[in-house]
Amino acid sequence: MSDSILFEVSGGLGHLTLNRSARLNAIDADAAHRWRDLAREIVARDDVKAVLMDAAGPAFCAGGDVAAMATMGAAGDAITEFADVIHEGHRLLAETPKPIVAAVHGVVAGGGLGFMLTADYVVAGDAARFVSKYADIGLTPDCGVSTLLPEAVGTRRALELTLTPRTLSAAEALDWGLVNEVVPSAELTARAREIAKHWLAGATAAFGQAKRLIRAHRSYAEALDDEARTIGAAFDTPESRQRVAAFAAR
C-alpha cells in the first residue's frame, strides 16, 4: 500500500494526510491513484462520518509534481488521464454527504488550491501562502480550480490569482474568502479537529446533507425540490425528532 497519502479512521473521523513532504506534497501518479482510491473508501465506509485533511512537512500541497511529469516522457494524453484520476477523487469527496475540514499550512499552489477547496471548511495557519503559478509553466488549471476557486472568491479575483503572479498571505486569503479562518500555526491541527468534533458530536447526518445541498450544481427549481425532500427525510430520523422535541421544550 502506498504511503503517499496516509489515512486512518478513529471515532467516526477519517484523517487524510498528504505525505510527500520532500516534494512539498506535490501529486505524482502514485499519489493521484491513492487519492482516488481513498475517496472511494471514504464514500463507501459507514464508520466515516466526517473527514480531516492535512499535510506532512513544510507545505500543504504544491500541486502536480511537474518534475515527475517532465521526466516521465509522457504525452498530453497521459497527463489528461492523470488529471482524470485526481478529478474522480475530487468529485467523490464533493458529492459525499460527509463534511470535510482542511488544515493548511505553508505553500498552497496550483492544483493544491483544488485539493484544499474540496474541503467544506478551511483553516489556515498564519504563515500559509496561496498562489496559482499554472501559466508560469504554460499549463492551465486542473483539480477543480476553474470551478472551485471562483466559487470561493468570485470570478474577478479568481482571474487575478490565475493570470498574475499574485501570492496571497493567510490574512489576504481570509479577506478574499479563500479560507474560513486563520489561526497561529501551532494551533492549526487542534482547531481543525475541534471543528470535526463539533460535526461528530452534533447531528452529523444533517451537517452532511447541508453540505450536499450547497455543493450540488443544479437549477434553482431542482434545488428547491431537493431541499424539500431532504428536510422531510431528515425530520423523520430519530436524531432529528429528539433534537426538535428538545428545542420545542425550551
C-alpha atoms as a PDB file:
ATOM      1  CA  MET A   1       0.000   0.000   0.000  1.00  0.00           C
ATOM      2  CA  SER A   2       1.273   3.453  -0.903  1.00  0.00           C
ATOM      3  CA  ASP A   3       2.252   5.887   1.848  1.00  0.00           C
ATOM      4  CA  SER A   4       1.993   8.940  -0.419  1.00  0.00           C
ATOM      5  CA  ILE A   5      -1.263   9.775   1.367  1.00  0.00           C
ATOM      6  CA  LEU A   6      -1.926   8.441   4.848  1.00  0.00           C
ATOM      7  CA  PHE A   7      -5.391   7.517   6.067  1.00  0.00           C
ATOM      8  CA  GLU A   8      -6.802   6.405   9.400  1.00  0.00           C
ATOM      9  CA  VAL A   9     -10.245   6.304  10.981  1.00  0.00           C
ATOM     10  CA  SER A  10     -10.959   6.909  14.660  1.00  0.00           C
ATOM     11  CA  GLY A  11     -14.216   7.751  16.392  1.00  0.00           C
ATOM     12  CA  GLY A  12     -16.006   8.445  13.117  1.00  0.00           C
ATOM     13  CA  LEU A  13     -13.295  10.802  11.828  1.00  0.00           C
ATOM     14  CA  GLY A  14     -11.379   9.902   8.690  1.00  0.00           C
ATOM     15  CA  HIS A  15      -7.945  11.556   8.698  1.00  0.00           C
ATOM     16  CA  LEU A  16      -6.253  12.144   5.317  1.00  0.00           C
ATOM     17  CA  THR A  17      -2.632  13.329   5.322  1.00  0.00           C
ATOM     18  CA  LEU A  18      -0.751  14.255   2.146  1.00  0.00           C
ATOM     19  CA  ASN A  19       2.606  12.634   2.771  1.00  0.00           C
ATOM     20  CA  ARG A  20       5.194  13.534   0.115  1.00  0.00           C
ATOM     21  CA  SER A  21       6.887  16.161   2.233  1.00  0.00           C
ATOM     22  CA  ALA A  22      10.191  16.003   0.328  1.00  0.00           C
ATOM     23  CA  ARG A  23       8.265  17.142  -2.780  1.00  0.00           C
ATOM     24  CA  LEU A  24       6.104  19.684  -0.896  1.00  0.00           C
ATOM     25  CA  ASN A  25       3.285  17.132  -1.224  1.00  0.00           C
ATOM     26  CA  ALA A  26       3.165  17.575  -4.994  1.00  0.00           C
ATOM     27  CA  ILE A  27       0.965  14.906  -6.545  1.00  0.00           C
ATOM     28  CA  ASP A  28       2.571  12.264  -8.747  1.00  0.00           C
ATOM     29  CA  ALA A  29       0.833   9.320 -10.429  1.00  0.00           C
ATOM     30  CA  ASP A  30       1.055   7.148  -7.316  1.00  0.00           C
ATOM     31  CA  ALA A  31      -0.447   9.844  -5.089  1.00  0.00           C
ATOM     32  CA  ALA A  32      -3.175  10.520  -7.673  1.00  0.00           C
ATOM     33  CA  HIS A  33      -4.332   6.901  -7.626  1.00  0.00           C
ATOM     34  CA  ARG A  34      -4.057   6.792  -3.853  1.00  0.00           C
ATOM     35  CA  TRP A  35      -6.240   9.932  -3.625  1.00  0.00           C
ATOM     36  CA  ARG A  36      -8.922   8.435  -5.858  1.00  0.00           C
ATOM     37  CA  ASP A  37      -8.883   5.096  -4.025  1.00  0.00           C
ATOM     38  CA  LEU A  38      -9.161   6.764  -0.624  1.00  0.00           C
ATOM     39  CA  ALA A  39     -12.044   8.912  -1.843  1.00  0.00           C
ATOM     40  CA  ARG A  40     -13.835   5.734  -2.909  1.00  0.00           C
ATOM     41  CA  GLU A  41     -13.141   4.216   0.502  1.00  0.00           C
ATOM     42  CA  ILE A  42     -14.421   7.277   2.382  1.00  0.00           C
ATOM     43  CA  VAL A  43     -17.656   7.251   0.397  1.00  0.00           C
ATOM     44  CA  ALA A  44     -18.170   3.530   0.997  1.00  0.00           C
ATOM     45  CA  ARG A  45     -17.354   3.344   4.726  1.00  0.00           C
ATOM     46  CA  ASP A  46     -20.268   3.781   7.101  1.00  0.00           C
ATOM     47  CA  ASP A  47     -17.880   4.389  10.025  1.00  0.00           C
ATOM     48  CA  VAL A  48     -16.529   7.575   8.411  1.00  0.00           C
ATOM     49  CA  LYS A  49     -18.838  10.439   9.383  1.00  0.00           C
ATOM     50  CA  ALA A  50     -16.506  13.399   8.780  1.00  0.00           C
ATOM     51  CA  VAL A  51     -13.039  13.964   7.317  1.00  0.00           C
ATOM     52  CA  LEU A  52      -9.975  15.965   8.344  1.00  0.00           C
ATOM     53  CA  MET A  53      -7.408  16.662   5.618  1.00  0.00           C
ATOM     54  CA  ASP A  54      -3.916  17.954   6.336  1.00  0.00           C
ATOM     55  CA  ALA A  55      -0.350  17.501   5.134  1.00  0.00           C
ATOM     56  CA  ALA A  56       3.064  16.475   6.413  1.00  0.00           C
ATOM     57  CA  GLY A  57       6.174  18.611   6.117  1.00  0.00           C
ATOM     58  CA  PRO A  58       6.652  22.315   5.348  1.00  0.00           C
ATOM     59  CA  ALA A  59       3.824  22.776   2.809  1.00  0.00           C
ATOM     60  CA  PHE A  60       0.250  21.697   2.252  1.00  0.00           C
ATOM     61  CA  CYS A  61       0.459  20.958  -1.476  1.00  0.00           C
ATOM     62  CA  ALA A  62       2.481  22.371  -4.370  1.00  0.00           C
ATOM     63  CA  GLY A  63       0.052  20.986  -6.957  1.00  0.00           C
ATOM     64  CA  GLY A  64       1.114  18.430  -9.536  1.00  0.00           C
ATOM     65  CA  ASP A  65       4.637  17.057  -9.447  1.00  0.00           C
ATOM     66  CA  VAL A  66       5.909  18.943 -12.501  1.00  0.00           C
ATOM     67  CA  ALA A  67       9.370  17.387 -12.237  1.00  0.00           C
ATOM     68  CA  ALA A  68       7.817  13.917 -12.427  1.00  0.00           C
ATOM     69  CA  MET A  69       5.701  14.990 -15.408  1.00  0.00           C
ATOM     70  CA  ALA A  70       8.776  16.329 -17.192  1.00  0.00           C
ATOM     71  CA  THR A  71      10.819  13.165 -16.696  1.00  0.00           C
ATOM     72  CA  MET A  72       8.115  10.557 -17.339  1.00  0.00           C
ATOM     73  CA  GLY A  73       8.278  11.154 -21.091  1.00  0.00           C
ATOM     74  CA  ALA A  74       4.508  11.216 -21.345  1.00  0.00           C
ATOM     75  CA  ALA A  75       2.404  12.983 -23.950  1.00  0.00           C
ATOM     76  CA  GLY A  76      -0.598  15.188 -23.258  1.00  0.00           C
ATOM     77  CA  ASP A  77      -2.985  12.211 -23.333  1.00  0.00           C
ATOM     78  CA  ALA A  78      -1.178  10.682 -20.355  1.00  0.00           C
ATOM     79  CA  ILE A  79      -1.435  13.973 -18.434  1.00  0.00           C
ATOM     80  CA  THR A  80      -5.168  14.053 -19.194  1.00  0.00           C
ATOM     81  CA  GLU A  81      -5.543  10.528 -17.800  1.00  0.00           C
ATOM     82  CA  PHE A  82      -3.517  11.545 -14.734  1.00  0.00           C
ATOM     83  CA  ALA A  83      -5.847  14.516 -14.173  1.00  0.00           C
ATOM     84  CA  ASP A  84      -8.931  12.335 -14.663  1.00  0.00           C
ATOM     85  CA  VAL A  85      -7.786  10.057 -11.831  1.00  0.00           C
ATOM     86  CA  ILE A  86      -7.394  13.003  -9.441  1.00  0.00           C
ATOM     87  CA  HIS A  87     -10.673  14.512 -10.568  1.00  0.00           C
ATOM     88  CA  GLU A  88     -12.627  11.364  -9.778  1.00  0.00           C
ATOM     89  CA  GLY A  89     -11.421  11.646  -6.194  1.00  0.00           C
ATOM     90  CA  HIS A  90     -12.390  15.325  -6.083  1.00  0.00           C
ATOM     91  CA  ARG A  91     -15.867  14.605  -7.438  1.00  0.00           C
ATOM     92  CA  LEU A  92     -16.497  11.808  -4.967  1.00  0.00           C
ATOM     93  CA  LEU A  93     -15.467  13.951  -1.993  1.00  0.00           C
ATOM     94  CA  ALA A  94     -17.527  16.906  -3.197  1.00  0.00           C
ATOM     95  CA  GLU A  95     -20.631  14.747  -3.632  1.00  0.00           C
ATOM     96  CA  THR A  96     -20.398  12.691  -0.454  1.00  0.00           C
ATOM     97  CA  PRO A  97     -22.623  13.909   2.401  1.00  0.00           C
ATOM     98  CA  LYS A  98     -19.667  13.793   4.796  1.00  0.00           C
ATOM     99  CA  PRO A  99     -18.286  17.195   5.848  1.00  0.00           C
ATOM    100  CA  ILE A 100     -14.573  17.812   5.289  1.00  0.00           C
ATOM    101  CA  VAL A 101     -12.287  20.240   7.101  1.00  0.00           C
ATOM    102  CA  ALA A 102      -8.818  21.090   5.758  1.00  0.00           C
ATOM    103  CA  ALA A 103      -5.904  22.295   7.868  1.00  0.00           C
ATOM    104  CA  VAL A 104      -3.476  24.069   5.519  1.00  0.00           C
ATOM    105  CA  HIS A 105      -0.013  25.457   6.131  1.00  0.00           C
ATOM    106  CA  GLY A 106       2.983  26.622   4.158  1.00  0.00           C
ATOM    107  CA  VAL A 107       2.584  26.846   0.396  1.00  0.00           C
ATOM    108  CA  VAL A 108      -0.686  26.006  -1.341  1.00  0.00           C
ATOM    109  CA  ALA A 109      -0.001  26.253  -5.067  1.00  0.00           C
ATOM    110  CA  GLY A 110      -1.550  25.299  -8.393  1.00  0.00           C
ATOM    111  CA  GLY A 111      -3.594  22.152  -8.073  1.00  0.00           C
ATOM    112  CA  GLY A 112      -3.013  22.318  -4.330  1.00  0.00           C
ATOM    113  CA  LEU A 113      -5.709  25.012  -4.318  1.00  0.00           C
ATOM    114  CA  GLY A 114      -8.100  22.447  -5.762  1.00  0.00           C
ATOM    115  CA  PHE A 115      -7.190  19.844  -3.154  1.00  0.00           C
ATOM    116  CA  MET A 116      -7.756  22.422  -0.404  1.00  0.00           C
ATOM    117  CA  LEU A 117     -11.082  23.512  -1.873  1.00  0.00           C
ATOM    118  CA  THR A 118     -12.512  20.003  -1.890  1.00  0.00           C
ATOM    119  CA  ALA A 119     -12.915  20.696   1.828  1.00  0.00           C
ATOM    120  CA  ASP A 120     -16.079  22.352   3.084  1.00  0.00           C
ATOM    121  CA  TYR A 121     -14.255  24.356   5.754  1.00  0.00           C
ATOM    122  CA  VAL A 122     -10.648  25.546   5.509  1.00  0.00           C
ATOM    123  CA  VAL A 123      -8.482  26.552   8.466  1.00  0.00           C
ATOM    124  CA  ALA A 124      -5.154  28.135   7.525  1.00  0.00           C
ATOM    125  CA  GLY A 125      -2.030  28.615   9.573  1.00  0.00           C
ATOM    126  CA  ASP A 126      -0.978  32.249   9.822  1.00  0.00           C
ATOM    127  CA  ALA A 127       2.145  31.661   7.714  1.00  0.00           C
ATOM    128  CA  ALA A 128       0.302  29.940   4.832  1.00  0.00           C
ATOM    129  CA  ARG A 129       0.663  31.349   1.297  1.00  0.00           C
ATOM    130  CA  PHE A 130      -1.547  30.812  -1.741  1.00  0.00           C
ATOM    131  CA  VAL A 131      -0.537  31.101  -5.399  1.00  0.00           C
ATOM    132  CA  SER A 132      -1.617  29.765  -8.804  1.00  0.00           C
ATOM    133  CA  LYS A 133       1.544  29.543 -10.964  1.00  0.00           C
ATOM    134  CA  TYR A 134      -0.142  27.469 -13.708  1.00  0.00           C
ATOM    135  CA  ALA A 135       0.557  29.939 -16.515  1.00  0.00           C
ATOM    136  CA  ASP A 136       4.161  30.350 -15.365  1.00  0.00           C
ATOM    137  CA  ILE A 137       4.856  26.875 -16.745  1.00  0.00           C
ATOM    138  CA  GLY A 138       2.456  27.133 -19.688  1.00  0.00           C
ATOM    139  CA  LEU A 139      -0.272  25.000 -18.121  1.00  0.00           C
ATOM    140  CA  THR A 140      -3.943  25.552 -17.330  1.00  0.00           C
ATOM    141  CA  PRO A 141      -5.954  24.980 -14.128  1.00  0.00           C
ATOM    142  CA  ASP A 142      -6.935  21.469 -13.101  1.00  0.00           C
ATOM    143  CA  CYS A 143      -8.025  19.778  -9.862  1.00  0.00           C
ATOM    144  CA  GLY A 144     -11.299  21.709  -9.990  1.00  0.00           C
ATOM    145  CA  VAL A 145      -9.572  25.086  -9.665  1.00  0.00           C
ATOM    146  CA  SER A 146     -11.511  26.645 -12.569  1.00  0.00           C
ATOM    147  CA  THR A 147     -14.766  25.900 -10.717  1.00  0.00           C
ATOM    148  CA  LEU A 148     -13.890  25.870  -7.031  1.00  0.00           C
ATOM    149  CA  LEU A 149     -11.715  28.997  -6.997  1.00  0.00           C
ATOM    150  CA  PRO A 150     -14.332  31.403  -8.472  1.00  0.00           C
ATOM    151  CA  GLU A 151     -16.972  29.804  -6.243  1.00  0.00           C
ATOM    152  CA  ALA A 152     -14.823  30.726  -3.248  1.00  0.00           C
ATOM    153  CA  VAL A 153     -13.535  34.187  -4.193  1.00  0.00           C
ATOM    154  CA  GLY A 154     -15.559  35.350  -7.215  1.00  0.00           C
ATOM    155  CA  THR A 155     -14.664  35.408 -10.876  1.00  0.00           C
ATOM    156  CA  ARG A 156     -12.684  38.664 -10.859  1.00  0.00           C
ATOM    157  CA  ARG A 157     -10.395  37.622  -8.029  1.00  0.00           C
ATOM    158  CA  ALA A 158     -10.027  34.100  -9.411  1.00  0.00           C
ATOM    159  CA  LEU A 159      -8.803  35.643 -12.654  1.00  0.00           C
ATOM    160  CA  GLU A 160      -6.398  37.871 -10.746  1.00  0.00           C
ATOM    161  CA  LEU A 161      -4.896  34.900  -8.951  1.00  0.00           C
ATOM    162  CA  THR A 162      -4.574  32.783 -12.103  1.00  0.00           C
ATOM    163  CA  LEU A 163      -3.500  35.484 -14.586  1.00  0.00           C
ATOM    164  CA  THR A 164      -0.941  37.316 -12.439  1.00  0.00           C
ATOM    165  CA  PRO A 165       1.963  36.275 -10.175  1.00  0.00           C
ATOM    166  CA  ARG A 166      -0.051  37.397  -7.136  1.00  0.00           C
ATOM    167  CA  THR A 167       0.635  35.440  -3.950  1.00  0.00           C
ATOM    168  CA  LEU A 168      -1.860  35.738  -1.114  1.00  0.00           C
ATOM    169  CA  SER A 169      -0.884  35.768   2.541  1.00  0.00           C
ATOM    170  CA  ALA A 170      -3.103  33.921   5.004  1.00  0.00           C
ATOM    171  CA  ALA A 171      -4.690  37.220   6.046  1.00  0.00           C
ATOM    172  CA  GLU A 172      -5.406  38.129   2.412  1.00  0.00           C
ATOM    173  CA  ALA A 173      -6.840  34.669   1.735  1.00  0.00           C
ATOM    174  CA  LEU A 174      -9.203  35.179   4.663  1.00  0.00           C
ATOM    175  CA  ASP A 175     -10.232  38.603   3.354  1.00  0.00           C
ATOM    176  CA  TRP A 176     -10.886  37.132  -0.102  1.00  0.00           C
ATOM    177  CA  GLY A 177     -12.973  34.248   1.269  1.00  0.00           C
ATOM    178  CA  LEU A 178     -10.495  31.613   0.113  1.00  0.00           C
ATOM    179  CA  VAL A 179     -10.230  30.238   3.663  1.00  0.00           C
ATOM    180  CA  ASN A 180     -12.685  30.314   6.566  1.00  0.00           C
ATOM    181  CA  GLU A 181     -10.318  31.264   9.362  1.00  0.00           C
ATOM    182  CA  VAL A 182      -6.666  31.831  10.195  1.00  0.00           C
ATOM    183  CA  VAL A 183      -5.026  30.610  13.393  1.00  0.00           C
ATOM    184  CA  PRO A 184      -1.466  30.518  14.725  1.00  0.00           C
ATOM    185  CA  SER A 185       0.360  27.648  13.053  1.00  0.00           C
ATOM    186  CA  ALA A 186       0.860  25.896  16.384  1.00  0.00           C
ATOM    187  CA  GLU A 187      -2.918  25.748  16.853  1.00  0.00           C
ATOM    188  CA  LEU A 188      -3.806  24.600  13.338  1.00  0.00           C
ATOM    189  CA  THR A 189      -4.357  20.878  13.878  1.00  0.00           C
ATOM    190  CA  ALA A 190      -6.174  21.371  17.165  1.00  0.00           C
ATOM    191  CA  ARG A 191      -8.568  23.886  15.616  1.00  0.00           C
ATOM    192  CA  ALA A 192      -9.344  21.643  12.650  1.00  0.00           C
ATOM    193  CA  ARG A 193     -10.016  18.737  14.994  1.00  0.00           C
ATOM    194  CA  GLU A 194     -12.284  20.954  17.084  1.00  0.00           C
ATOM    195  CA  ILE A 195     -14.405  21.673  14.015  1.00  0.00           C
ATOM    196  CA  ALA A 196     -14.583  17.996  13.064  1.00  0.00           C
ATOM    197  CA  LYS A 197     -15.541  17.029  16.630  1.00  0.00           C
ATOM    198  CA  HIS A 198     -18.355  19.592  16.525  1.00  0.00           C
ATOM    199  CA  TRP A 199     -19.766  17.815  13.475  1.00  0.00           C
ATOM    200  CA  LEU A 200     -19.359  14.394  15.051  1.00  0.00           C
ATOM    201  CA  ALA A 201     -20.951  15.447  18.338  1.00  0.00           C
ATOM    202  CA  GLY A 202     -23.930  17.066  16.633  1.00  0.00           C
ATOM    203  CA  ALA A 203     -26.473  15.974  14.063  1.00  0.00           C
ATOM    204  CA  THR A 204     -23.795  14.586  11.757  1.00  0.00           C
ATOM    205  CA  ALA A 205     -26.187  13.434   9.043  1.00  0.00           C
ATOM    206  CA  ALA A 206     -27.815  16.863   8.917  1.00  0.00           C
ATOM    207  CA  PHE A 207     -24.427  18.587   8.546  1.00  0.00           C
ATOM    208  CA  GLY A 208     -23.613  16.193   5.720  1.00  0.00           C
ATOM    209  CA  GLN A 209     -26.885  16.771   3.895  1.00  0.00           C
ATOM    210  CA  ALA A 210     -26.463  20.547   4.233  1.00  0.00           C
ATOM    211  CA  LYS A 211     -23.038  20.169   2.616  1.00  0.00           C
ATOM    212  CA  ARG A 212     -24.503  18.058  -0.182  1.00  0.00           C
ATOM    213  CA  LEU A 213     -27.297  20.532  -0.903  1.00  0.00           C
ATOM    214  CA  ILE A 214     -24.958  23.515  -1.085  1.00  0.00           C
ATOM    215  CA  ARG A 215     -22.313  21.703  -3.123  1.00  0.00           C
ATOM    216  CA  ALA A 216     -24.753  20.358  -5.734  1.00  0.00           C
ATOM    217  CA  HIS A 217     -24.879  22.018  -9.144  1.00  0.00           C
ATOM    218  CA  ARG A 218     -28.439  22.173 -10.464  1.00  0.00           C
ATOM    219  CA  SER A 219     -31.156  24.621 -11.335  1.00  0.00           C
ATOM    220  CA  TYR A 220     -32.936  26.677  -8.684  1.00  0.00           C
ATOM    221  CA  ALA A 221     -36.146  24.683  -9.187  1.00  0.00           C
ATOM    222  CA  GLU A 222     -34.256  21.397  -8.800  1.00  0.00           C
ATOM    223  CA  ALA A 223     -32.546  22.763  -5.675  1.00  0.00           C
ATOM    224  CA  LEU A 224     -35.889  23.671  -4.123  1.00  0.00           C
ATOM    225  CA  ASP A 225     -37.294  20.181  -4.796  1.00  0.00           C
ATOM    226  CA  ASP A 226     -34.128  18.591  -3.398  1.00  0.00           C
ATOM    227  CA  GLU A 227     -34.332  20.760  -0.263  1.00  0.00           C
ATOM    228  CA  ALA A 228     -37.979  19.824   0.304  1.00  0.00           C
ATOM    229  CA  ARG A 229     -37.309  16.093   0.023  1.00  0.00           C
ATOM    230  CA  THR A 230     -34.155  16.262   2.125  1.00  0.00           C
ATOM    231  CA  ILE A 231     -35.643  18.216   5.039  1.00  0.00           C
ATOM    232  CA  GLY A 232     -38.647  15.892   5.076  1.00  0.00           C
ATOM    233  CA  ALA A 233     -36.410  12.836   5.238  1.00  0.00           C
ATOM    234  CA  ALA A 234     -34.304  14.459   7.964  1.00  0.00           C
ATOM    235  CA  PHE A 235     -37.392  15.276  10.036  1.00  0.00           C
ATOM    236  CA  ASP A 236     -38.324  11.584  10.112  1.00  0.00           C
ATOM    237  CA  THR A 237     -34.986  10.466  11.582  1.00  0.00           C
ATOM    238  CA  PRO A 238     -34.870   9.569  15.309  1.00  0.00           C
ATOM    239  CA  GLU A 239     -31.998  12.007  15.847  1.00  0.00           C
ATOM    240  CA  SER A 240     -33.955  14.902  14.371  1.00  0.00           C
ATOM    241  CA  ARG A 241     -37.149  14.074  16.245  1.00  0.00           C
ATOM    242  CA  GLN A 242     -35.223  14.024  19.534  1.00  0.00           C
ATOM    243  CA  ARG A 243     -33.496  17.342  18.809  1.00  0.00           C
ATOM    244  CA  VAL A 244     -36.654  19.038  17.550  1.00  0.00           C
ATOM    245  CA  ALA A 245     -38.549  17.924  20.653  1.00  0.00           C
ATOM    246  CA  ALA A 246     -35.780  19.223  22.892  1.00  0.00           C
ATOM    247  CA  PHE A 247     -35.785  22.554  21.047  1.00  0.00           C
ATOM    248  CA  ALA A 248     -39.566  22.869  21.306  1.00  0.00           C
ATOM    249  CA  ALA A 249     -39.440  22.140  25.045  1.00  0.00           C
ATOM    250  CA  ARG A 250     -37.103  25.059  25.791  1.00  0.00           C
END
